[in-house]
PDB file of N, CA and C in Angstrom:
ATOM      1  N   MET A   1      -3.382  13.747  -2.992  1.00  0.00           N
ATOM      2  CA  MET A   1      -3.417  12.377  -1.482  1.00  0.00           C
ATOM      3  C   MET A   1      -4.210  12.946  -0.297  1.00  0.00           C
ATOM      4  N   THR A   2      -5.038  12.844   0.382  1.00  0.00           N
ATOM      5  CA  THR A   2      -5.442  13.075   1.839  1.00  0.00           C
ATOM      6  C   THR A   2      -4.982  11.913   2.922  1.00  0.00           C
ATOM      7  N   ALA A   3      -4.542  13.349   3.781  1.00  0.00           N
ATOM      8  CA  ALA A   3      -3.528  12.437   4.843  1.00  0.00           C
ATOM      9  C   ALA A   3      -4.522  11.074   5.645  1.00  0.00           C
ATOM     10  N   LEU A   4      -5.122  11.220   5.294  1.00  0.00           N
ATOM     11  CA  LEU A   4      -6.703  10.633   6.053  1.00  0.00           C
ATOM     12  C   LEU A   4      -5.858   9.052   5.745  1.00  0.00           C
ATOM     13  N   ASP A   5      -6.431   9.402   4.482  1.00  0.00           N
ATOM     14  CA  ASP A   5      -5.654   8.011   3.359  1.00  0.00           C
ATOM     15  C   ASP A   5      -4.554   6.954   3.745  1.00  0.00           C
ATOM     16  N   ILE A   6      -3.714   8.279   4.641  1.00  0.00           N
ATOM     17  CA  ILE A   6      -2.659   7.170   5.225  1.00  0.00           C
ATOM     18  C   ILE A   6      -2.553   6.599   6.560  1.00  0.00           C
ATOM     19  N   VAL A   7      -2.867   7.794   7.640  1.00  0.00           N
ATOM     20  CA  VAL A   7      -2.727   8.462   8.802  1.00  0.00           C
ATOM     21  C   VAL A   7      -3.848   7.436   9.885  1.00  0.00           C
ATOM     22  N   ARG A   8      -5.318   7.801   9.281  1.00  0.00           N
ATOM     23  CA  ARG A   8      -6.130   6.428   9.996  1.00  0.00           C
ATOM     24  C   ARG A   8      -6.274   5.238   9.360  1.00  0.00           C
ATOM     25  N   PRO A   9      -5.278   4.702   8.012  1.00  0.00           N
ATOM     26  CA  PRO A   9      -5.632   3.415   8.761  1.00  0.00           C
ATOM     27  C   PRO A   9      -4.203   2.847   9.242  1.00  0.00           C
ATOM     28  N   GLN A  10      -2.881   4.014   9.772  1.00  0.00           N
ATOM     29  CA  GLN A  10      -1.626   3.022  10.331  1.00  0.00           C
ATOM     30  C   GLN A  10      -2.340   3.856  11.418  1.00  0.00           C
ATOM     31  N   GLN A  11      -2.901   4.431  12.098  1.00  0.00           N
ATOM     32  CA  GLN A  11      -3.578   4.161  13.010  1.00  0.00           C
ATOM     33  C   GLN A  11      -4.582   3.169  13.671  1.00  0.00           C
ATOM     34  N   VAL A  12      -4.985   2.601  13.321  1.00  0.00           N
ATOM     35  CA  VAL A  12      -5.718   1.217  13.424  1.00  0.00           C
ATOM     36  C   VAL A  12      -5.152  -0.004  13.768  1.00  0.00           C
ATOM     37  N   PHE A  13      -4.160   0.279  12.618  1.00  0.00           N
ATOM     38  CA  PHE A  13      -3.481  -0.967  12.353  1.00  0.00           C
ATOM     39  C   PHE A  13      -2.159  -0.895  13.782  1.00  0.00           C
ATOM     40  N   SER A  14      -1.387   0.052  13.650  1.00  0.00           N
ATOM     41  CA  SER A  14      -0.681   0.523  14.899  1.00  0.00           C
ATOM     42  C   SER A  14      -1.009  -0.427  16.187  1.00  0.00           C
ATOM     43  N   SER A  15      -1.890  -0.277  16.468  1.00  0.00           N
ATOM     44  CA  SER A  15      -2.322  -0.449  17.788  1.00  0.00           C
ATOM     45  C   SER A  15      -2.577  -2.217  17.600  1.00  0.00           C
ATOM     46  N   LEU A  16      -2.791  -2.969  16.822  1.00  0.00           N
ATOM     47  CA  LEU A  16      -2.939  -4.220  16.581  1.00  0.00           C
ATOM     48  C   LEU A  16      -1.694  -4.934  16.615  1.00  0.00           C
ATOM     49  N   PRO A  17      -1.565  -5.922  17.548  1.00  0.00           N
ATOM     50  CA  PRO A  17      -0.172  -7.055  17.901  1.00  0.00           C
ATOM     51  C   PRO A  17       0.174  -7.574  16.630  1.00  0.00           C
ATOM     52  N   ASN A  18       1.315  -7.820  16.340  1.00  0.00           N
ATOM     53  CA  ASN A  18       2.359  -8.252  15.563  1.00  0.00           C
ATOM     54  C   ASN A  18       2.335  -8.050  14.400  1.00  0.00           C
ATOM     55  N   VAL A  19       2.052  -6.032  14.112  1.00  0.00           N
ATOM     56  CA  VAL A  19       1.737  -5.577  12.707  1.00  0.00           C
ATOM     57  C   VAL A  19       3.288  -5.046  12.205  1.00  0.00           C
ATOM     58  N   GLU A  20       3.873  -5.158  11.242  1.00  0.00           N
ATOM     59  CA  GLU A  20       4.327  -3.997  11.112  1.00  0.00           C
ATOM     60  C   GLU A  20       3.688  -2.971   9.836  1.00  0.00           C
ATOM     61  N   ILE A  21       4.310  -1.139  10.230  1.00  0.00           N
ATOM     62  CA  ILE A  21       3.060  -0.685   9.186  1.00  0.00           C
ATOM     63  C   ILE A  21       4.786  -0.332   8.173  1.00  0.00           C
ATOM     64  N   HIS A  22       4.671  -0.181   7.368  1.00  0.00           N
ATOM     65  CA  HIS A  22       5.601   0.683   6.544  1.00  0.00           C
ATOM     66  C   HIS A  22       4.732   1.684   5.418  1.00  0.00           C
ATOM     67  N   ARG A  23       5.738   2.778   5.121  1.00  0.00           N
ATOM     68  CA  ARG A  23       4.721   3.554   3.937  1.00  0.00           C
ATOM     69  C   ARG A  23       5.957   4.063   3.325  1.00  0.00           C
ATOM     70  N   ILE A  24       5.524   2.873   2.291  1.00  0.00           N
ATOM     71  CA  ILE A  24       5.841   2.891   0.535  1.00  0.00           C
ATOM     72  C   ILE A  24       6.417   3.782  -0.480  1.00  0.00           C
ATOM     73  N   TRP A  25       7.253   4.170  -0.784  1.00  0.00           N
ATOM     74  CA  TRP A  25       7.364   4.894  -1.786  1.00  0.00           C
ATOM     75  C   TRP A  25       8.782   4.876  -2.731  1.00  0.00           C
ATOM     76  N   LYS A  26       8.143   5.731  -3.898  1.00  0.00           N
ATOM     77  CA  LYS A  26       9.398   4.862  -5.139  1.00  0.00           C
ATOM     78  C   LYS A  26      10.850   5.992  -5.017  1.00  0.00           C
ATOM     79  N   THR A  27      11.181   7.051  -3.627  1.00  0.00           N
ATOM     80  CA  THR A  27      11.892   7.053  -3.576  1.00  0.00           C
ATOM     81  C   THR A  27      11.724   7.800  -1.314  1.00  0.00           C
ATOM     82  N   LEU A  28      12.610   8.164  -0.874  1.00  0.00           N
ATOM     83  CA  LEU A  28      13.089   8.384  -0.237  1.00  0.00           C
ATOM     84  C   LEU A  28      12.107   9.896   1.358  1.00  0.00           C
ATOM     85  N   ASP A  29      11.697  10.809   0.080  1.00  0.00           N
ATOM     86  CA  ASP A  29      11.558  12.589  -0.423  1.00  0.00           C
ATOM     87  C   ASP A  29      10.175  12.490  -0.027  1.00  0.00           C
ATOM     88  N   ALA A  30      10.002  13.114   0.395  1.00  0.00           N
ATOM     89  CA  ALA A  30       8.249  13.622   1.085  1.00  0.00           C
ATOM     90  C   ALA A  30       7.316  13.473   0.303  1.00  0.00           C
ATOM     91  N   ILE A  31       6.308  13.318   0.972  1.00  0.00           N
ATOM     92  CA  ILE A  31       5.298  12.768   0.244  1.00  0.00           C
ATOM     93  C   ILE A  31       4.045  14.326   0.252  1.00  0.00           C
ATOM     94  N   ALA A  32       3.894  15.562  -0.048  1.00  0.00           N
ATOM     95  CA  ALA A  32       2.781  16.581  -0.337  1.00  0.00           C
ATOM     96  C   ALA A  32       1.546  15.839  -0.399  1.00  0.00           C
ATOM     97  N   THR A  33       0.613  15.903   0.584  1.00  0.00           N
ATOM     98  CA  THR A  33      -0.825  15.950   0.768  1.00  0.00           C
ATOM     99  C   THR A  33      -1.574  16.393   0.111  1.00  0.00           C
ATOM    100  N   ASP A  34      -2.714  16.744   0.219  1.00  0.00           N
ATOM    101  CA  ASP A  34      -4.148  17.739  -0.651  1.00  0.00           C
ATOM    102  C   ASP A  34      -3.799  18.786   0.387  1.00  0.00           C
ATOM    103  N   ASP A  35      -3.481  18.996   1.601  1.00  0.00           N
ATOM    104  CA  ASP A  35      -3.632  19.710   1.995  1.00  0.00           C
ATOM    105  C   ASP A  35      -2.139  21.069   2.671  1.00  0.00           C
ATOM    106  N   GLY A  36      -1.059  19.898   1.956  1.00  0.00           N
ATOM    107  CA  GLY A  36       0.136  20.207   2.162  1.00  0.00           C
ATOM    108  C   GLY A  36       1.111  19.166   3.631  1.00  0.00           C
ATOM    109  N   MET A  37       0.769  19.145   3.744  1.00  0.00           N
ATOM    110  CA  MET A  37       0.976  17.673   5.003  1.00  0.00           C
ATOM    111  C   MET A  37       2.644  16.957   4.486  1.00  0.00           C
ATOM    112  N   ARG A  38       3.639  16.308   4.816  1.00  0.00           N
ATOM    113  CA  ARG A  38       4.074  15.962   4.274  1.00  0.00           C
ATOM    114  C   ARG A  38       4.393  15.219   4.915  1.00  0.00           C
ATOM    115  N   LEU A  39       4.751  13.983   4.532  1.00  0.00           N
ATOM    116  CA  LEU A  39       4.482  11.863   4.535  1.00  0.00           C
ATOM    117  C   LEU A  39       6.075  11.898   4.518  1.00  0.00           C
ATOM    118  N   LEU A  40       7.305  11.115   5.285  1.00  0.00           N
ATOM    119  CA  LEU A  40       8.006  10.617   5.000  1.00  0.00           C
ATOM    120  C   LEU A  40       7.263   8.522   4.367  1.00  0.00           C
ATOM    121  N   PRO A  41       8.507   8.205   3.549  1.00  0.00           N
ATOM    122  CA  PRO A  41       7.911   7.284   2.778  1.00  0.00           C
ATOM    123  C   PRO A  41       9.196   6.061   4.065  1.00  0.00           C
ATOM    124  N   ASP A  42       8.721   4.830   4.535  1.00  0.00           N
ATOM    125  CA  ASP A  42       9.983   4.086   5.896  1.00  0.00           C
ATOM    126  C   ASP A  42      10.890   3.164   4.129  1.00  0.00           C
ATOM    127  N   ALA A  43      10.114   2.972   2.940  1.00  0.00           N
ATOM    128  CA  ALA A  43      11.401   2.644   1.864  1.00  0.00           C
ATOM    129  C   ALA A  43      10.415   2.988   0.407  1.00  0.00           C
ATOM    130  N   THR A  44      11.789   2.112  -0.093  1.00  0.00           N
ATOM    131  CA  THR A  44      11.469   2.292  -1.348  1.00  0.00           C
ATOM    132  C   THR A  44      10.903   1.489  -2.421  1.00  0.00           C
ATOM    133  N   PHE A  45      10.849   1.608  -3.189  1.00  0.00           N
ATOM    134  CA  PHE A  45       9.537  -0.038  -4.291  1.00  0.00           C
ATOM    135  C   PHE A  45      11.331  -0.827  -4.006  1.00  0.00           C
ATOM    136  N   GLY A  46      12.234  -0.539  -4.222  1.00  0.00           N
ATOM    137  CA  GLY A  46      13.201  -1.345  -4.297  1.00  0.00           C
ATOM    138  C   GLY A  46      13.562  -1.729  -2.802  1.00  0.00           C
ATOM    139  N   ASN A  47      13.489  -1.002  -1.965  1.00  0.00           N
ATOM    140  CA  ASN A  47      14.278  -1.433  -0.444  1.00  0.00           C
ATOM    141  C   ASN A  47      12.501  -2.350   0.836  1.00  0.00           C
ATOM    142  N   CYS A  48      11.765  -2.037  -0.120  1.00  0.00           N
ATOM    143  CA  CYS A  48      10.929  -2.947   1.038  1.00  0.00           C
ATOM    144  C   CYS A  48      10.664  -4.000   1.201  1.00  0.00           C
ATOM    145  N   PRO A  49      10.416  -3.910   2.652  1.00  0.00           N
ATOM    146  CA  PRO A  49      10.236  -5.731   3.471  1.00  0.00           C
ATOM    147  C   PRO A  49       9.503  -6.621   2.348  1.00  0.00           C
ATOM    148  N   PRO A  50       9.554  -7.760   2.240  1.00  0.00           N
ATOM    149  CA  PRO A  50       8.640  -9.416   1.840  1.00  0.00           C
ATOM    150  C   PRO A  50       7.174  -8.589   2.609  1.00  0.00           C
ATOM    151  N   PHE A  51       6.376  -8.725   2.107  1.00  0.00           N
ATOM    152  CA  PHE A  51       5.150  -8.540   2.708  1.00  0.00           C
ATOM    153  C   PHE A  51       4.663  -9.914   3.093  1.00  0.00           C
ATOM    154  N   ASN A  52       3.398  -9.321   4.198  1.00  0.00           N
ATOM    155  CA  ASN A  52       2.920 -10.968   4.625  1.00  0.00           C
ATOM    156  C   ASN A  52       1.774 -10.946   4.995  1.00  0.00           C
ATOM    157  N   VAL A  53       0.457 -10.803   3.355  1.00  0.00           N
ATOM    158  CA  VAL A  53      -0.602 -10.067   3.633  1.00  0.00           C
ATOM    159  C   VAL A  53      -1.741 -12.008   3.925  1.00  0.00           C
ATOM    160  N   GLY A  54      -0.712 -12.540   3.634  1.00  0.00           N
ATOM    161  CA  GLY A  54      -2.026 -13.758   3.448  1.00  0.00           C
ATOM    162  C   GLY A  54      -2.457 -14.073   5.048  1.00  0.00           C
ATOM    163  N   SER A  55      -3.082 -15.482   4.853  1.00  0.00           N
ATOM    164  CA  SER A  55      -3.242 -15.752   5.403  1.00  0.00           C
ATOM    165  C   SER A  55      -3.448 -17.897   5.995  1.00  0.00           C
ATOM    166  N   PRO A  56      -3.245 -18.273   6.178  1.00  0.00           N
ATOM    167  CA  PRO A  56      -3.126 -20.057   6.060  1.00  0.00           C
ATOM    168  C   PRO A  56      -4.135 -21.017   6.025  1.00  0.00           C
ATOM    169  N   GLU A  57      -5.085 -19.821   6.087  1.00  0.00           N
ATOM    170  CA  GLU A  57      -6.406 -20.779   6.296  1.00  0.00           C
ATOM    171  C   GLU A  57      -6.569 -19.916   4.329  1.00  0.00           C
ATOM    172  N   LYS A  58      -8.056 -21.182   3.766  1.00  0.00           N
ATOM    173  CA  LYS A  58      -8.281 -21.239   2.792  1.00  0.00           C
ATOM    174  C   LYS A  58      -9.225 -19.654   1.966  1.00  0.00           C
ATOM    175  N   ALA A  59     -10.229 -19.260   2.431  1.00  0.00           N
ATOM    176  CA  ALA A  59     -10.569 -18.578   2.689  1.00  0.00           C
ATOM    177  C   ALA A  59     -10.150 -17.087   2.940  1.00  0.00           C
ATOM    178  N   GLY A  60      -9.100 -17.147   3.417  1.00  0.00           N
ATOM    179  CA  GLY A  60      -7.994 -15.988   3.087  1.00  0.00           C
ATOM    180  C   GLY A  60      -6.988 -15.348   2.156  1.00  0.00           C
ATOM    181  N   LEU A  61      -6.222 -17.254   1.686  1.00  0.00           N
ATOM    182  CA  LEU A  61      -5.800 -17.205   0.247  1.00  0.00           C
ATOM    183  C   LEU A  61      -6.277 -16.553  -0.114  1.00  0.00           C
ATOM    184  N   ASP A  62      -7.360 -17.006  -0.691  1.00  0.00           N
ATOM    185  CA  ASP A  62      -8.102 -16.578  -1.840  1.00  0.00           C
ATOM    186  C   ASP A  62      -8.867 -15.112  -1.397  1.00  0.00           C
ATOM    187  N   PHE A  63      -8.958 -14.228  -1.036  1.00  0.00           N
ATOM    188  CA  PHE A  63      -9.314 -13.311  -0.786  1.00  0.00           C
ATOM    189  C   PHE A  63      -7.926 -12.591  -1.370  1.00  0.00           C
ATOM    190  N   VAL A  64      -7.018 -12.443  -0.866  1.00  0.00           N
ATOM    191  CA  VAL A  64      -5.597 -12.427  -1.376  1.00  0.00           C
ATOM    192  C   VAL A  64      -5.688 -12.313  -3.259  1.00  0.00           C
ATOM    193  N   ASN A  65      -5.438 -13.633  -3.254  1.00  0.00           N
ATOM    194  CA  ASN A  65      -4.981 -13.766  -4.527  1.00  0.00           C
ATOM    195  C   ASN A  65      -6.547 -12.963  -5.249  1.00  0.00           C
ATOM    196  N   LYS A  66      -7.594 -12.613  -4.923  1.00  0.00           N
ATOM    197  CA  LYS A  66      -8.412 -12.057  -5.632  1.00  0.00           C
ATOM    198  C   LYS A  66      -7.916 -10.616  -5.446  1.00  0.00           C
ATOM    199  N   ALA A  67      -8.088  -9.722  -4.441  1.00  0.00           N
ATOM    200  CA  ALA A  67      -6.918  -8.793  -5.154  1.00  0.00           C
ATOM    201  C   ALA A  67      -5.572  -8.652  -4.887  1.00  0.00           C
ATOM    202  N   ILE A  68      -5.337  -9.214  -5.767  1.00  0.00           N
ATOM    203  CA  ILE A  68      -3.758  -8.889  -6.100  1.00  0.00           C
ATOM    204  C   ILE A  68      -4.235  -8.801  -7.943  1.00  0.00           C
ATOM    205  N   SER A  69      -5.396 -10.491  -7.791  1.00  0.00           N
ATOM    206  CA  SER A  69      -6.377  -9.767  -8.933  1.00  0.00           C
ATOM    207  C   SER A  69      -6.972  -8.922 -10.097  1.00  0.00           C
ATOM    208  N   HIS A  70      -6.584  -8.729  -9.362  1.00  0.00           N
ATOM    209  CA  HIS A  70      -7.940  -7.238  -9.295  1.00  0.00           C
ATOM    210  C   HIS A  70      -6.887  -6.302  -9.918  1.00  0.00           C
ATOM    211  N   ALA A  71      -5.835  -6.026  -8.764  1.00  0.00           N
ATOM    212  CA  ALA A  71      -4.345  -4.946  -8.568  1.00  0.00           C
ATOM    213  C   ALA A  71      -3.954  -4.816  -9.729  1.00  0.00           C
ATOM    214  N   ILE A  72      -4.118  -6.211 -10.433  1.00  0.00           N
ATOM    215  CA  ILE A  72      -2.955  -6.197 -12.021  1.00  0.00           C
ATOM    216  C   ILE A  72      -3.811  -5.687 -12.983  1.00  0.00           C
ATOM    217  N   GLN A  73      -5.356  -6.138 -12.396  1.00  0.00           N
ATOM    218  CA  GLN A  73      -6.701  -5.509 -14.133  1.00  0.00           C
ATOM    219  C   GLN A  73      -6.439  -4.189 -13.435  1.00  0.00           C
ATOM    220  N   THR A  74      -5.779  -3.075 -12.804  1.00  0.00           N
ATOM    221  CA  THR A  74      -6.074  -2.235 -12.283  1.00  0.00           C
ATOM    222  C   THR A  74      -5.108  -2.051 -12.876  1.00  0.00           C
ATOM    223  N   LEU A  75      -3.796  -1.978 -12.396  1.00  0.00           N
ATOM    224  CA  LEU A  75      -2.386  -1.882 -13.398  1.00  0.00           C
ATOM    225  C   LEU A  75      -2.244  -1.563 -15.576  1.00  0.00           C
ATOM    226  N   PHE A  76      -3.057  -2.672 -15.219  1.00  0.00           N
ATOM    227  CA  PHE A  76      -2.445  -3.241 -16.907  1.00  0.00           C
ATOM    228  C   PHE A  76      -3.008  -1.788 -17.556  1.00  0.00           C
ATOM    229  N   GLN A  77      -4.972  -1.312 -17.031  1.00  0.00           N
ATOM    230  CA  GLN A  77      -5.739  -0.869 -17.173  1.00  0.00           C
ATOM    231  C   GLN A  77      -5.559   1.089 -17.607  1.00  0.00           C
ATOM    232  N   ILE A  78      -4.298   1.608 -15.938  1.00  0.00           N
ATOM    233  CA  ILE A  78      -3.969   2.633 -15.904  1.00  0.00           C
ATOM    234  C   ILE A  78      -2.787   2.302 -17.376  1.00  0.00           C
ATOM    235  N   LYS A  79      -2.294   1.615 -17.375  1.00  0.00           N
ATOM    236  CA  LYS A  79      -1.340   1.801 -18.657  1.00  0.00           C
ATOM    237  C   LYS A  79      -1.388   1.830 -19.211  1.00  0.00           C
ATOM    238  N   GLU A  80      -2.779   0.665 -20.277  1.00  0.00           N
ATOM    239  CA  GLU A  80      -2.846   0.617 -20.938  1.00  0.00           C
ATOM    240  C   GLU A  80      -3.861   2.796 -21.506  1.00  0.00           C
ATOM    241  N   ASP A  81      -4.310   3.397 -19.977  1.00  0.00           N
ATOM    242  CA  ASP A  81      -5.273   4.689 -20.354  1.00  0.00           C
ATOM    243  C   ASP A  81      -4.394   5.551 -21.156  1.00  0.00           C
ATOM    244  N   SER A  82      -2.932   5.729 -19.798  1.00  0.00           N
ATOM    245  CA  SER A  82      -1.575   6.675 -20.339  1.00  0.00           C
ATOM    246  C   SER A  82      -1.407   6.449 -21.899  1.00  0.00           C
ATOM    247  N   LEU A  83      -0.944   5.078 -22.240  1.00  0.00           N
ATOM    248  CA  LEU A  83      -0.493   5.265 -23.612  1.00  0.00           C
ATOM    249  C   LEU A  83      -1.688   5.376 -24.725  1.00  0.00           C
ATOM    250  N   SER A  84      -3.029   6.130 -24.484  1.00  0.00           N
ATOM    251  CA  SER A  84      -4.003   6.227 -25.749  1.00  0.00           C
ATOM    252  C   SER A  84      -3.908   8.104 -25.554  1.00  0.00           C
TER     253      SER A  84
END
């Protein structure tokens, strides 16, 4: 992982009102980036707060549903690839 993959979006989104950012990982141990920088998660997969990534508008909900569907397909493909 490159540090900018985490740091840049956090810097952008943290300037928005009513936005909470959570760095989530399987443990609370530091995660090393490709250049050795260490980042700390705020929560684990088991104790992360519920996400609110939706929108009350149909276009927003359609976008989120499409993204979720793509993520699920990607996860299944990764699992299939790891089994072969």
